[in-house]
Every structure is written in C-alpha cells, then in structure tokens.
Amino acid sequence: MKSEMWFTLDTSVKIAGIEGQALVYLYEGTGDNLLPTDMRLGYVDYLNYDLYDYDKETGECTSRDGGMILLREYVSDISEAQALKELEDELLSPGQTAGLITPENITEIDPSQLIGLDY
C-alpha cells in the first residue's frame, strides 16, 4: 500500500457521524503507538485514518473522527485492497453490506484542492 491515501467514499456508504459524503485520509502509522500488549498479541504495524464531512461543490472539509487499525502485517506488505478491507471492517456497522470500500468504489483526491484540512 502507499504510505498515504486521500479519497472519497460513494455517498451510498454511510459512516456514523459523517454528514453527506465522507472524505478519508488513510495513512501509515509511525510505529510509536503500539503498546507492549499489542506486540505480544502479534500486531506489528498500524494504519491511522481521519474522517471528514466533504462538500463536493466547494471542496470544504470538516474533521469528524479518526482512529487506528492494528495490523499483523507491515503496511508496506499489504495491498491497497487489503488496507481498504481493514478500514471497512473498522467502520461499517454489523449488518451493513461489505465490499463497499474497494479500490473500484473510491475516488482518490488531491488534498491541496481541499479547504479546511488540519493535517
């Protein structure tokens, strides 16, 4: 996987707490958030994600949420599809349709075109 990705999710993908279309910043962790307990459980790396409300018309973004996804493989060893599956597992509520956050169903965005980012 690339070390970072900015992308929008289709408006049909609803994330709790996000109004309208979701903008996602998915990026490799620095490695310093793994606890000894995490390492004993076999986690070796992690992905961070930030979620934003996104207004496609204006490019305006409002930060809403974020988190960390623990991995048993290094980010550099997983594919983009695997990273998106991990994100989907983290974000979608039980009972929601799986397979919505895939390379085919996202639109990568250039963050320099957006307004209101705090990265």
PDB file of N, CA and C in Angstrom:
ATOM      1  N   MET A   1       0.837  -1.177   0.000  1.00  0.00           N
ATOM      2  CA  MET A   1       0.000   0.000   0.000  1.00  0.00           C
ATOM      3  C   MET A   1       0.881   1.238   0.000  1.00  0.00           C
ATOM      4  N   LYS A   2       0.377   2.309  -0.587  1.00  0.00           N
ATOM      5  CA  LYS A   2       1.054   3.597  -0.497  1.00  0.00           C
ATOM      6  C   LYS A   2       1.072   4.034   0.960  1.00  0.00           C
ATOM      7  N   SER A   3       1.986   4.894   1.326  1.00  0.00           N
ATOM      8  CA  SER A   3       2.062   5.316   2.726  1.00  0.00           C
ATOM      9  C   SER A   3       0.894   6.200   3.135  1.00  0.00           C
ATOM     10  N   GLU A   4       0.193   6.815   2.141  1.00  0.00           N
ATOM     11  CA  GLU A   4      -0.997   7.581   2.463  1.00  0.00           C
ATOM     12  C   GLU A   4      -1.930   7.656   1.267  1.00  0.00           C
ATOM     13  N   MET A   5      -3.220   7.804   1.571  1.00  0.00           N
ATOM     14  CA  MET A   5      -4.252   7.921   0.540  1.00  0.00           C
ATOM     15  C   MET A   5      -5.316   8.890   1.011  1.00  0.00           C
ATOM     16  N   TRP A   6      -5.734   9.792   0.141  1.00  0.00           N
ATOM     17  CA  TRP A   6      -6.894  10.660   0.361  1.00  0.00           C
ATOM     18  C   TRP A   6      -7.944  10.220  -0.626  1.00  0.00           C
ATOM     19  N   PHE A   7      -9.161   9.943  -0.156  1.00  0.00           N
ATOM     20  CA  PHE A   7     -10.200   9.524  -1.089  1.00  0.00           C
ATOM     21  C   PHE A   7     -11.580   9.789  -0.520  1.00  0.00           C
ATOM     22  N   THR A   8     -12.545   9.867  -1.431  1.00  0.00           N
ATOM     23  CA  THR A   8     -13.941   9.988  -1.023  1.00  0.00           C
ATOM     24  C   THR A   8     -14.598   8.633  -1.154  1.00  0.00           C
ATOM     25  N   LEU A   9     -15.615   8.455  -0.334  1.00  0.00           N
ATOM     26  CA  LEU A   9     -16.452   7.269  -0.416  1.00  0.00           C
ATOM     27  C   LEU A   9     -17.722   7.642  -1.150  1.00  0.00           C
ATOM     28  N   ASP A  10     -18.258   6.713  -1.870  1.00  0.00           N
ATOM     29  CA  ASP A  10     -19.531   6.925  -2.544  1.00  0.00           C
ATOM     30  C   ASP A  10     -20.567   7.377  -1.518  1.00  0.00           C
ATOM     31  N   THR A  11     -21.486   8.241  -1.927  1.00  0.00           N
ATOM     32  CA  THR A  11     -22.499   8.749  -0.998  1.00  0.00           C
ATOM     33  C   THR A  11     -23.393   7.646  -0.439  1.00  0.00           C
ATOM     34  N   SER A  12     -23.427   6.487  -1.097  1.00  0.00           N
ATOM     35  CA  SER A  12     -24.232   5.374  -0.586  1.00  0.00           C
ATOM     36  C   SER A  12     -23.583   4.709   0.633  1.00  0.00           C
ATOM     37  N   VAL A  13     -22.292   4.962   0.860  1.00  0.00           N
ATOM     38  CA  VAL A  13     -21.596   4.403   2.017  1.00  0.00           C
ATOM     39  C   VAL A  13     -21.769   5.376   3.178  1.00  0.00           C
ATOM     40  N   LYS A  14     -22.544   4.963   4.160  1.00  0.00           N
ATOM     41  CA  LYS A  14     -22.844   5.814   5.305  1.00  0.00           C
ATOM     42  C   LYS A  14     -21.948   5.442   6.483  1.00  0.00           C
ATOM     43  N   ILE A  15     -21.254   6.440   7.004  1.00  0.00           N
ATOM     44  CA  ILE A  15     -20.399   6.263   8.165  1.00  0.00           C
ATOM     45  C   ILE A  15     -21.024   7.050   9.311  1.00  0.00           C
ATOM     46  N   ALA A  16     -21.216   6.407  10.437  1.00  0.00           N
ATOM     47  CA  ALA A  16     -21.833   7.076  11.587  1.00  0.00           C
ATOM     48  C   ALA A  16     -21.056   8.340  11.936  1.00  0.00           C
ATOM     49  N   GLY A  17     -21.783   9.453  12.112  1.00  0.00           N
ATOM     50  CA  GLY A  17     -21.162  10.715  12.497  1.00  0.00           C
ATOM     51  C   GLY A  17     -20.693  11.564  11.334  1.00  0.00           C
ATOM     52  N   ILE A  18     -20.789  11.056  10.117  1.00  0.00           N
ATOM     53  CA  ILE A  18     -20.359  11.811   8.934  1.00  0.00           C
ATOM     54  C   ILE A  18     -21.596  12.283   8.199  1.00  0.00           C
ATOM     55  N   GLU A  19     -21.638  13.566   7.915  1.00  0.00           N
ATOM     56  CA  GLU A  19     -22.768  14.136   7.192  1.00  0.00           C
ATOM     57  C   GLU A  19     -22.411  14.216   5.710  1.00  0.00           C
ATOM     58  N   GLY A  20     -23.289  13.739   4.861  1.00  0.00           N
ATOM     59  CA  GLY A  20     -23.038  13.800   3.420  1.00  0.00           C
ATOM     60  C   GLY A  20     -21.962  12.824   2.998  1.00  0.00           C
ATOM     61  N   GLN A  21     -21.138  13.255   2.072  1.00  0.00           N
ATOM     62  CA  GLN A  21     -20.103  12.377   1.538  1.00  0.00           C
ATOM     63  C   GLN A  21     -18.905  12.347   2.476  1.00  0.00           C
ATOM     64  N   ALA A  22     -18.329  11.182   2.657  1.00  0.00           N
ATOM     65  CA  ALA A  22     -17.176  11.040   3.544  1.00  0.00           C
ATOM     66  C   ALA A  22     -15.881  11.182   2.767  1.00  0.00           C
ATOM     67  N   LEU A  23     -14.958  11.942   3.343  1.00  0.00           N
ATOM     68  CA  LEU A  23     -13.587  12.034   2.854  1.00  0.00           C
ATOM     69  C   LEU A  23     -12.725  11.287   3.855  1.00  0.00           C
ATOM     70  N   VAL A  24     -11.804  10.466   3.362  1.00  0.00           N
ATOM     71  CA  VAL A  24     -10.966   9.645   4.235  1.00  0.00           C
ATOM     72  C   VAL A  24      -9.496   9.933   3.941  1.00  0.00           C
ATOM     73  N   TYR A  25      -8.740  10.094   5.006  1.00  0.00           N
ATOM     74  CA  TYR A  25      -7.287  10.154   4.915  1.00  0.00           C
ATOM     75  C   TYR A  25      -6.793   8.900   5.614  1.00  0.00           C
ATOM     76  N   LEU A  26      -6.226   7.978   4.849  1.00  0.00           N
ATOM     77  CA  LEU A  26      -5.723   6.697   5.366  1.00  0.00           C
ATOM     78  C   LEU A  26      -4.215   6.728   5.230  1.00  0.00           C
ATOM     79  N   TYR A  27      -3.501   6.533   6.340  1.00  0.00           N
ATOM     80  CA  TYR A  27      -2.050   6.677   6.292  1.00  0.00           C
ATOM     81  C   TYR A  27      -1.353   5.757   7.282  1.00  0.00           C
ATOM     82  N   GLU A  28      -0.112   5.462   6.940  1.00  0.00           N
ATOM     83  CA  GLU A  28       0.703   4.559   7.741  1.00  0.00           C
ATOM     84  C   GLU A  28       1.056   5.208   9.069  1.00  0.00           C
ATOM     85  N   GLY A  29       0.962   4.424  10.134  1.00  0.00           N
ATOM     86  CA  GLY A  29       1.368   4.912  11.450  1.00  0.00           C
ATOM     87  C   GLY A  29       2.883   4.990  11.556  1.00  0.00           C
ATOM     88  N   THR A  30       3.350   5.728  12.541  1.00  0.00           N
ATOM     89  CA  THR A  30       4.793   5.900  12.720  1.00  0.00           C
ATOM     90  C   THR A  30       5.428   4.756  13.497  1.00  0.00           C
ATOM     91  N   GLY A  31       4.602   3.909  14.101  1.00  0.00           N
ATOM     92  CA  GLY A  31       5.124   2.767  14.845  1.00  0.00           C
ATOM     93  C   GLY A  31       5.237   2.996  16.333  1.00  0.00           C
ATOM     94  N   ASP A  32       5.053   4.242  16.771  1.00  0.00           N
ATOM     95  CA  ASP A  32       5.241   4.518  18.191  1.00  0.00           C
ATOM     96  C   ASP A  32       3.963   4.410  19.020  1.00  0.00           C
ATOM     97  N   ASN A  33       2.861   3.996  18.419  1.00  0.00           N
ATOM     98  CA  ASN A  33       1.617   3.825  19.176  1.00  0.00           C
ATOM     99  C   ASN A  33       1.342   2.375  19.556  1.00  0.00           C
ATOM    100  N   LEU A  34       2.187   1.469  19.150  1.00  0.00           N
ATOM    101  CA  LEU A  34       1.997   0.068  19.540  1.00  0.00           C
ATOM    102  C   LEU A  34       2.419  -0.121  20.988  1.00  0.00           C
ATOM    103  N   LEU A  35       1.534  -0.684  21.753  1.00  0.00           N
ATOM    104  CA  LEU A  35       1.828  -0.973  23.153  1.00  0.00           C
ATOM    105  C   LEU A  35       2.488  -2.347  23.266  1.00  0.00           C
ATOM    106  N   PRO A  36       3.208  -2.595  24.335  1.00  0.00           N
ATOM    107  CA  PRO A  36       3.774  -3.930  24.526  1.00  0.00           C
ATOM    108  C   PRO A  36       2.702  -5.021  24.438  1.00  0.00           C
ATOM    109  N   THR A  37       1.513  -4.739  24.963  1.00  0.00           N
ATOM    110  CA  THR A  37       0.406  -5.699  24.881  1.00  0.00           C
ATOM    111  C   THR A  37       0.040  -5.983  23.430  1.00  0.00           C
ATOM    112  N   ASP A  38      -0.007  -4.927  22.603  1.00  0.00           N
ATOM    113  CA  ASP A  38      -0.308  -5.102  21.174  1.00  0.00           C
ATOM    114  C   ASP A  38       0.723  -6.015  20.531  1.00  0.00           C
ATOM    115  N   MET A  39       1.988  -5.770  20.825  1.00  0.00           N
ATOM    116  CA  MET A  39       3.064  -6.575  20.222  1.00  0.00           C
ATOM    117  C   MET A  39       2.991  -8.029  20.681  1.00  0.00           C
ATOM    118  N   ARG A  40       2.647  -8.257  21.947  1.00  0.00           N
ATOM    119  CA  ARG A  40       2.501  -9.631  22.441  1.00  0.00           C
ATOM    120  C   ARG A  40       1.352 -10.347  21.737  1.00  0.00           C
ATOM    121  N   LEU A  41       0.351  -9.589  21.297  1.00  0.00           N
ATOM    122  CA  LEU A  41      -0.782 -10.167  20.575  1.00  0.00           C
ATOM    123  C   LEU A  41      -0.496 -10.353  19.085  1.00  0.00           C
ATOM    124  N   GLY A  42       0.711  -9.992  18.656  1.00  0.00           N
ATOM    125  CA  GLY A  42       1.110 -10.219  17.269  1.00  0.00           C
ATOM    126  C   GLY A  42       0.959  -9.033  16.334  1.00  0.00           C
ATOM    127  N   TYR A  43       0.574  -7.868  16.858  1.00  0.00           N
ATOM    128  CA  TYR A  43       0.457  -6.685  16.000  1.00  0.00           C
ATOM    129  C   TYR A  43       1.836  -6.084  15.781  1.00  0.00           C
ATOM    130  N   VAL A  44       2.127  -5.719  14.527  1.00  0.00           N
ATOM    131  CA  VAL A  44       3.451  -5.193  14.191  1.00  0.00           C
ATOM    132  C   VAL A  44       3.405  -3.795  13.578  1.00  0.00           C
ATOM    133  N   ASP A  45       2.233  -3.355  13.159  1.00  0.00           N
ATOM    134  CA  ASP A  45       2.115  -2.058  12.485  1.00  0.00           C
ATOM    135  C   ASP A  45       0.665  -1.590  12.597  1.00  0.00           C
ATOM    136  N   TYR A  46       0.393  -0.411  12.089  1.00  0.00           N
ATOM    137  CA  TYR A  46      -0.977   0.082  12.124  1.00  0.00           C
ATOM    138  C   TYR A  46      -1.201   1.151  11.071  1.00  0.00           C
ATOM    139  N   LEU A  47      -2.466   1.320  10.748  1.00  0.00           N
ATOM    140  CA  LEU A  47      -2.923   2.393   9.870  1.00  0.00           C
ATOM    141  C   LEU A  47      -3.693   3.396  10.707  1.00  0.00           C
ATOM    142  N   ASN A  48      -3.509   4.653  10.426  1.00  0.00           N
ATOM    143  CA  ASN A  48      -4.333   5.711  11.001  1.00  0.00           C
ATOM    144  C   ASN A  48      -5.344   6.131   9.950  1.00  0.00           C
ATOM    145  N   TYR A  49      -6.487   6.618  10.404  1.00  0.00           N
ATOM    146  CA  TYR A  49      -7.450   7.190   9.464  1.00  0.00           C
ATOM    147  C   TYR A  49      -8.108   8.404  10.094  1.00  0.00           C
ATOM    148  N   ASP A  50      -8.366   9.397   9.258  1.00  0.00           N
ATOM    149  CA  ASP A  50      -9.116  10.580   9.645  1.00  0.00           C
ATOM    150  C   ASP A  50     -10.317  10.661   8.728  1.00  0.00           C
ATOM    151  N   LEU A  51     -11.475  10.991   9.292  1.00  0.00           N
ATOM    152  CA  LEU A  51     -12.717  11.095   8.531  1.00  0.00           C
ATOM    153  C   LEU A  51     -13.204  12.538   8.534  1.00  0.00           C
ATOM    154  N   TYR A  52     -13.698  12.965   7.392  1.00  0.00           N
ATOM    155  CA  TYR A  52     -14.184  14.334   7.220  1.00  0.00           C
ATOM    156  C   TYR A  52     -15.529  14.308   6.520  1.00  0.00           C
ATOM    157  N   ASP A  53     -16.398  15.289   6.877  1.00  0.00           N
ATOM    158  CA  ASP A  53     -17.538  15.607   6.025  1.00  0.00           C
ATOM    159  C   ASP A  53     -16.931  16.291   4.810  1.00  0.00           C
ATOM    160  N   TYR A  54     -17.483  16.044   3.638  1.00  0.00           N
ATOM    161  CA  TYR A  54     -16.922  16.611   2.411  1.00  0.00           C
ATOM    162  C   TYR A  54     -18.032  17.181   1.549  1.00  0.00           C
ATOM    163  N   ASP A  55     -17.903  18.447   1.201  1.00  0.00           N
ATOM    164  CA  ASP A  55     -18.831  19.100   0.281  1.00  0.00           C
ATOM    165  C   ASP A  55     -18.166  19.138  -1.086  1.00  0.00           C
ATOM    166  N   LYS A  56     -18.634  18.305  -1.976  1.00  0.00           N
ATOM    167  CA  LYS A  56     -18.024  18.156  -3.297  1.00  0.00           C
ATOM    168  C   LYS A  56     -18.063  19.455  -4.095  1.00  0.00           C
ATOM    169  N   GLU A  57     -19.100  20.256  -3.886  1.00  0.00           N
ATOM    170  CA  GLU A  57     -19.254  21.504  -4.648  1.00  0.00           C
ATOM    171  C   GLU A  57     -18.193  22.537  -4.278  1.00  0.00           C
ATOM    172  N   THR A  58     -17.905  22.672  -2.996  1.00  0.00           N
ATOM    173  CA  THR A  58     -16.993  23.726  -2.542  1.00  0.00           C
ATOM    174  C   THR A  58     -15.594  23.217  -2.192  1.00  0.00           C
ATOM    175  N   GLY A  59     -15.463  21.909  -1.990  1.00  0.00           N
ATOM    176  CA  GLY A  59     -14.186  21.356  -1.531  1.00  0.00           C
ATOM    177  C   GLY A  59     -13.980  21.530  -0.037  1.00  0.00           C
ATOM    178  N   GLU A  60     -15.010  22.007   0.662  1.00  0.00           N
ATOM    179  CA  GLU A  60     -14.935  22.251   2.103  1.00  0.00           C
ATOM    180  C   GLU A  60     -14.964  20.932   2.875  1.00  0.00           C
ATOM    181  N   CYS A  61     -14.061  20.825   3.851  1.00  0.00           N
ATOM    182  CA  CYS A  61     -13.962  19.624   4.683  1.00  0.00           C
ATOM    183  C   CYS A  61     -14.085  20.010   6.150  1.00  0.00           C
ATOM    184  N   THR A  62     -14.784  19.179   6.907  1.00  0.00           N
ATOM    185  CA  THR A  62     -14.909  19.367   8.343  1.00  0.00           C
ATOM    186  C   THR A  62     -14.495  18.068   9.019  1.00  0.00           C
ATOM    187  N   SER A  63     -13.479  18.155   9.862  1.00  0.00           N
ATOM    188  CA  SER A  63     -12.977  16.967  10.552  1.00  0.00           C
ATOM    189  C   SER A  63     -14.046  16.412  11.482  1.00  0.00           C
ATOM    190  N   ARG A  64     -14.226  15.082  11.469  1.00  0.00           N
ATOM    191  CA  ARG A  64     -15.248  14.438  12.293  1.00  0.00           C
ATOM    192  C   ARG A  64     -14.705  13.375  13.233  1.00  0.00           C
ATOM    193  N   ASP A  65     -13.843  12.511  12.759  1.00  0.00           N
ATOM    194  CA  ASP A  65     -13.459  11.361  13.568  1.00  0.00           C
ATOM    195  C   ASP A  65     -12.150  10.807  13.034  1.00  0.00           C
ATOM    196  N   GLY A  66     -11.646   9.829  13.697  1.00  0.00           N
ATOM    197  CA  GLY A  66     -10.427   9.157  13.260  1.00  0.00           C
ATOM    198  C   GLY A  66     -10.148   7.978  14.153  1.00  0.00           C
ATOM    199  N   GLY A  67      -9.111   7.275  13.819  1.00  0.00           N
ATOM    200  CA  GLY A  67      -8.771   6.123  14.628  1.00  0.00           C
ATOM    201  C   GLY A  67      -7.534   5.414  14.115  1.00  0.00           C
ATOM    202  N   MET A  68      -7.322   4.247  14.667  1.00  0.00           N
ATOM    203  CA  MET A  68      -6.145   3.453  14.363  1.00  0.00           C
ATOM    204  C   MET A  68      -6.585   2.004  14.155  1.00  0.00           C
ATOM    205  N   ILE A  69      -6.009   1.366  13.155  1.00  0.00           N
ATOM    206  CA  ILE A  69      -6.310  -0.035  12.852  1.00  0.00           C
ATOM    207  C   ILE A  69      -5.024  -0.828  13.046  1.00  0.00           C
ATOM    208  N   LEU A  70      -5.017  -1.713  14.022  1.00  0.00           N
ATOM    209  CA  LEU A  70      -3.844  -2.545  14.283  1.00  0.00           C
ATOM    210  C   LEU A  70      -3.707  -3.624  13.209  1.00  0.00           C
ATOM    211  N   LEU A  71      -2.463  -3.895  12.819  1.00  0.00           N
ATOM    212  CA  LEU A  71      -2.193  -4.876  11.763  1.00  0.00           C
ATOM    213  C   LEU A  71      -1.188  -5.923  12.232  1.00  0.00           C
ATOM    214  N   ARG A  72      -1.370  -7.132  11.730  1.00  0.00           N
ATOM    215  CA  ARG A  72      -0.420  -8.210  11.995  1.00  0.00           C
ATOM    216  C   ARG A  72       0.606  -8.335  10.867  1.00  0.00           C
ATOM    217  N   GLU A  73       0.505  -7.456   9.889  1.00  0.00           N
ATOM    218  CA  GLU A  73       1.468  -7.364   8.788  1.00  0.00           C
ATOM    219  C   GLU A  73       1.918  -5.912   8.707  1.00  0.00           C
ATOM    220  N   TYR A  74       3.083  -5.696   8.112  1.00  0.00           N
ATOM    221  CA  TYR A  74       3.544  -4.325   7.910  1.00  0.00           C
ATOM    222  C   TYR A  74       2.747  -3.680   6.791  1.00  0.00           C
ATOM    223  N   VAL A  75       2.474  -2.374   6.935  1.00  0.00           N
ATOM    224  CA  VAL A  75       1.720  -1.642   5.927  1.00  0.00           C
ATOM    225  C   VAL A  75       2.361  -1.816   4.555  1.00  0.00           C
ATOM    226  N   SER A  76       3.669  -1.808   4.501  1.00  0.00           N
ATOM    227  CA  SER A  76       4.371  -1.948   3.221  1.00  0.00           C
ATOM    228  C   SER A  76       4.137  -3.308   2.568  1.00  0.00           C
ATOM    229  N   ASP A  77       3.655  -4.283   3.330  1.00  0.00           N
ATOM    230  CA  ASP A  77       3.429  -5.628   2.796  1.00  0.00           C
ATOM    231  C   ASP A  77       1.977  -5.914   2.424  1.00  0.00           C
ATOM    232  N   ILE A  78       1.073  -4.976   2.688  1.00  0.00           N
ATOM    233  CA  ILE A  78      -0.320  -5.223   2.347  1.00  0.00           C
ATOM    234  C   ILE A  78      -0.705  -4.428   1.099  1.00  0.00           C
ATOM    235  N   SER A  79      -1.684  -4.929   0.398  1.00  0.00           N
ATOM    236  CA  SER A  79      -2.156  -4.262  -0.814  1.00  0.00           C
ATOM    237  C   SER A  79      -3.132  -3.146  -0.453  1.00  0.00           C
ATOM    238  N   GLU A  80      -3.400  -2.299  -1.426  1.00  0.00           N
ATOM    239  CA  GLU A  80      -4.402  -1.254  -1.243  1.00  0.00           C
ATOM    240  C   GLU A  80      -5.759  -1.878  -0.911  1.00  0.00           C
ATOM    241  N   ALA A  81      -6.101  -2.954  -1.605  1.00  0.00           N
ATOM    242  CA  ALA A  81      -7.381  -3.630  -1.359  1.00  0.00           C
ATOM    243  C   ALA A  81      -7.450  -4.155   0.085  1.00  0.00           C
ATOM    244  N   GLN A  82      -6.346  -4.712   0.589  1.00  0.00           N
ATOM    245  CA  GLN A  82      -6.329  -5.203   1.974  1.00  0.00           C
ATOM    246  C   GLN A  82      -6.495  -4.053   2.962  1.00  0.00           C
ATOM    247  N   ALA A  83      -5.827  -2.938   2.704  1.00  0.00           N
ATOM    248  CA  ALA A  83      -5.930  -1.778   3.591  1.00  0.00           C
ATOM    249  C   ALA A  83      -7.370  -1.265   3.629  1.00  0.00           C
ATOM    250  N   LEU A  84      -8.008  -1.207   2.466  1.00  0.00           N
ATOM    251  CA  LEU A  84      -9.391  -0.738   2.410  1.00  0.00           C
ATOM    252  C   LEU A  84     -10.335  -1.716   3.105  1.00  0.00           C
ATOM    253  N   LYS A  85     -10.060  -3.001   3.016  1.00  0.00           N
ATOM    254  CA  LYS A  85     -10.872  -4.011   3.710  1.00  0.00           C
ATOM    255  C   LYS A  85     -10.741  -3.837   5.224  1.00  0.00           C
ATOM    256  N   GLU A  86      -9.536  -3.584   5.696  1.00  0.00           N
ATOM    257  CA  GLU A  86      -9.324  -3.336   7.124  1.00  0.00           C
ATOM    258  C   GLU A  86     -10.105  -2.097   7.573  1.00  0.00           C
ATOM    259  N   LEU A  87     -10.078  -1.049   6.741  1.00  0.00           N
ATOM    260  CA  LEU A  87     -10.828   0.164   7.053  1.00  0.00           C
ATOM    261  C   LEU A  87     -12.324  -0.124   7.092  1.00  0.00           C
ATOM    262  N   GLU A  88     -12.794  -0.862   6.114  1.00  0.00           N
ATOM    263  CA  GLU A  88     -14.210  -1.217   6.064  1.00  0.00           C
ATOM    264  C   GLU A  88     -14.617  -2.008   7.300  1.00  0.00           C
ATOM    265  N   ASP A  89     -13.814  -2.983   7.692  1.00  0.00           N
ATOM    266  CA  ASP A  89     -14.112  -3.774   8.889  1.00  0.00           C
ATOM    267  C   ASP A  89     -14.198  -2.876  10.126  1.00  0.00           C
ATOM    268  N   GLU A  90     -13.380  -1.844  10.159  1.00  0.00           N
ATOM    269  CA  GLU A  90     -13.362  -0.914  11.288  1.00  0.00           C
ATOM    270  C   GLU A  90     -14.584   0.002  11.301  1.00  0.00           C
ATOM    271  N   LEU A  91     -15.023   0.445  10.132  1.00  0.00           N
ATOM    272  CA  LEU A  91     -16.036   1.496  10.039  1.00  0.00           C
ATOM    273  C   LEU A  91     -17.481   1.021   9.917  1.00  0.00           C
ATOM    274  N   LEU A  92     -17.702  -0.058   9.182  1.00  0.00           N
ATOM    275  CA  LEU A  92     -19.084  -0.455   8.923  1.00  0.00           C
ATOM    276  C   LEU A  92     -19.691  -1.155  10.126  1.00  0.00           C
ATOM    277  N   SER A  93     -20.923  -0.826  10.381  1.00  0.00           N
ATOM    278  CA  SER A  93     -21.650  -1.436  11.484  1.00  0.00           C
ATOM    279  C   SER A  93     -22.035  -2.866  11.112  1.00  0.00           C
ATOM    280  N   PRO A  94     -22.230  -3.736  12.114  1.00  0.00           N
ATOM    281  CA  PRO A  94     -22.700  -5.088  11.813  1.00  0.00           C
ATOM    282  C   PRO A  94     -23.999  -5.020  11.009  1.00  0.00           C
ATOM    283  N   GLY A  95     -24.112  -5.857  10.034  1.00  0.00           N
ATOM    284  CA  GLY A  95     -25.307  -5.884   9.199  1.00  0.00           C
ATOM    285  C   GLY A  95     -25.219  -5.020   7.959  1.00  0.00           C
ATOM    286  N   GLN A  96     -24.243  -4.094   7.905  1.00  0.00           N
ATOM    287  CA  GLN A  96     -24.073  -3.293   6.704  1.00  0.00           C
ATOM    288  C   GLN A  96     -23.417  -4.139   5.625  1.00  0.00           C
ATOM    289  N   THR A  97     -23.698  -3.809   4.392  1.00  0.00           N
ATOM    290  CA  THR A  97     -23.143  -4.537   3.264  1.00  0.00           C
ATOM    291  C   THR A  97     -21.630  -4.381   3.220  1.00  0.00           C
ATOM    292  N   ALA A  98     -20.927  -5.486   3.088  1.00  0.00           N
ATOM    293  CA  ALA A  98     -19.469  -5.449   2.943  1.00  0.00           C
ATOM    294  C   ALA A  98     -19.115  -5.301   1.465  1.00  0.00           C
ATOM    295  N   GLY A  99     -17.874  -4.973   1.206  1.00  0.00           N
ATOM    296  CA  GLY A  99     -17.404  -4.847  -0.167  1.00  0.00           C
ATOM    297  C   GLY A  99     -17.671  -3.495  -0.790  1.00  0.00           C
ATOM    298  N   LEU A 100     -18.021  -2.503   0.032  1.00  0.00           N
ATOM    299  CA  LEU A 100     -18.307  -1.170  -0.493  1.00  0.00           C
ATOM    300  C   LEU A 100     -17.062  -0.290  -0.564  1.00  0.00           C
ATOM    301  N   ILE A 101     -16.091  -0.557   0.302  1.00  0.00           N
ATOM    302  CA  ILE A 101     -14.868   0.241   0.297  1.00  0.00           C
ATOM    303  C   ILE A 101     -13.786  -0.583  -0.393  1.00  0.00           C
ATOM    304  N   THR A 102     -13.711  -0.433  -1.694  1.00  0.00           N
ATOM    305  CA  THR A 102     -12.752  -1.166  -2.525  1.00  0.00           C
ATOM    306  C   THR A 102     -12.051  -0.175  -3.443  1.00  0.00           C
ATOM    307  N   PRO A 103     -10.929  -0.548  -4.041  1.00  0.00           N
ATOM    308  CA  PRO A 103     -10.260   0.369  -4.962  1.00  0.00           C
ATOM    309  C   PRO A 103     -11.183   0.866  -6.080  1.00  0.00           C
ATOM    310  N   GLU A 104     -12.133   0.036  -6.491  1.00  0.00           N
ATOM    311  CA  GLU A 104     -13.053   0.414  -7.572  1.00  0.00           C
ATOM    312  C   GLU A 104     -14.132   1.392  -7.110  1.00  0.00           C
ATOM    313  N   ASN A 105     -14.398   1.435  -5.809  1.00  0.00           N
ATOM    314  CA  ASN A 105     -15.502   2.233  -5.279  1.00  0.00           C
ATOM    315  C   ASN A 105     -15.067   3.504  -4.553  1.00  0.00           C
ATOM    316  N   ILE A 106     -13.798   3.859  -4.662  1.00  0.00           N
ATOM    317  CA  ILE A 106     -13.328   5.096  -4.048  1.00  0.00           C
ATOM    318  C   ILE A 106     -12.851   6.040  -5.148  1.00  0.00           C
ATOM    319  N   THR A 107     -12.770   7.311  -4.808  1.00  0.00           N
ATOM    320  CA  THR A 107     -12.225   8.305  -5.724  1.00  0.00           C
ATOM    321  C   THR A 107     -11.089   9.013  -5.003  1.00  0.00           C
ATOM    322  N   GLU A 108      -9.861   8.794  -5.483  1.00  0.00           N
ATOM    323  CA  GLU A 108      -8.721   9.446  -4.846  1.00  0.00           C
ATOM    324  C   GLU A 108      -8.779  10.944  -5.109  1.00  0.00           C
ATOM    325  N   ILE A 109      -8.344  11.711  -4.128  1.00  0.00           N
ATOM    326  CA  ILE A 109      -8.441  13.169  -4.132  1.00  0.00           C
ATOM    327  C   ILE A 109      -7.060  13.764  -3.865  1.00  0.00           C
ATOM    328  N   ASP A 110      -6.779  14.890  -4.496  1.00  0.00           N
ATOM    329  CA  ASP A 110      -5.567  15.656  -4.213  1.00  0.00           C
ATOM    330  C   ASP A 110      -5.885  16.582  -3.036  1.00  0.00           C
ATOM    331  N   PRO A 111      -5.255  16.390  -1.867  1.00  0.00           N
ATOM    332  CA  PRO A 111      -5.622  17.195  -0.690  1.00  0.00           C
ATOM    333  C   PRO A 111      -5.353  18.690  -0.866  1.00  0.00           C
ATOM    334  N   SER A 112      -4.494  19.079  -1.797  1.00  0.00           N
ATOM    335  CA  SER A 112      -4.229  20.502  -1.994  1.00  0.00           C
ATOM    336  C   SER A 112      -5.442  21.216  -2.574  1.00  0.00           C
ATOM    337  N   GLN A 113      -6.410  20.461  -3.093  1.00  0.00           N
ATOM    338  CA  GLN A 113      -7.631  21.046  -3.659  1.00  0.00           C
ATOM    339  C   GLN A 113      -8.737  21.230  -2.618  1.00  0.00           C
ATOM    340  N   LEU A 114      -8.458  20.856  -1.369  1.00  0.00           N
ATOM    341  CA  LEU A 114      -9.500  20.856  -0.343  1.00  0.00           C
ATOM    342  C   LEU A 114      -9.317  22.017   0.634  1.00  0.00           C
ATOM    343  N   ILE A 115     -10.415  22.400   1.261  1.00  0.00           N
ATOM    344  CA  ILE A 115     -10.437  23.519   2.198  1.00  0.00           C
ATOM    345  C   ILE A 115     -10.799  22.994   3.585  1.00  0.00           C
ATOM    346  N   GLY A 116     -10.066  23.427   4.602  1.00  0.00           N
ATOM    347  CA  GLY A 116     -10.427  23.088   5.975  1.00  0.00           C
ATOM    348  C   GLY A 116      -9.709  21.880   6.537  1.00  0.00           C
ATOM    349  N   LEU A 117      -8.673  21.396   5.867  1.00  0.00           N
ATOM    350  CA  LEU A 117      -7.955  20.228   6.378  1.00  0.00           C
ATOM    351  C   LEU A 117      -6.991  20.648   7.486  1.00  0.00           C
ATOM    352  N   ASP A 118      -6.798  19.763   8.440  1.00  0.00           N
ATOM    353  CA  ASP A 118      -5.896  20.037   9.557  1.00  0.00           C
ATOM    354  C   ASP A 118      -4.782  18.989   9.646  1.00  0.00           C
ATOM    355  N   TYR A 119      -4.260  18.611   8.520  1.00  0.00           N
ATOM    356  CA  TYR A 119      -3.199  17.587   8.538  1.00  0.00           C
ATOM    357  C   TYR A 119      -1.841  18.200   8.427  1.00  0.00           C
TER     358      TYR A 119
END
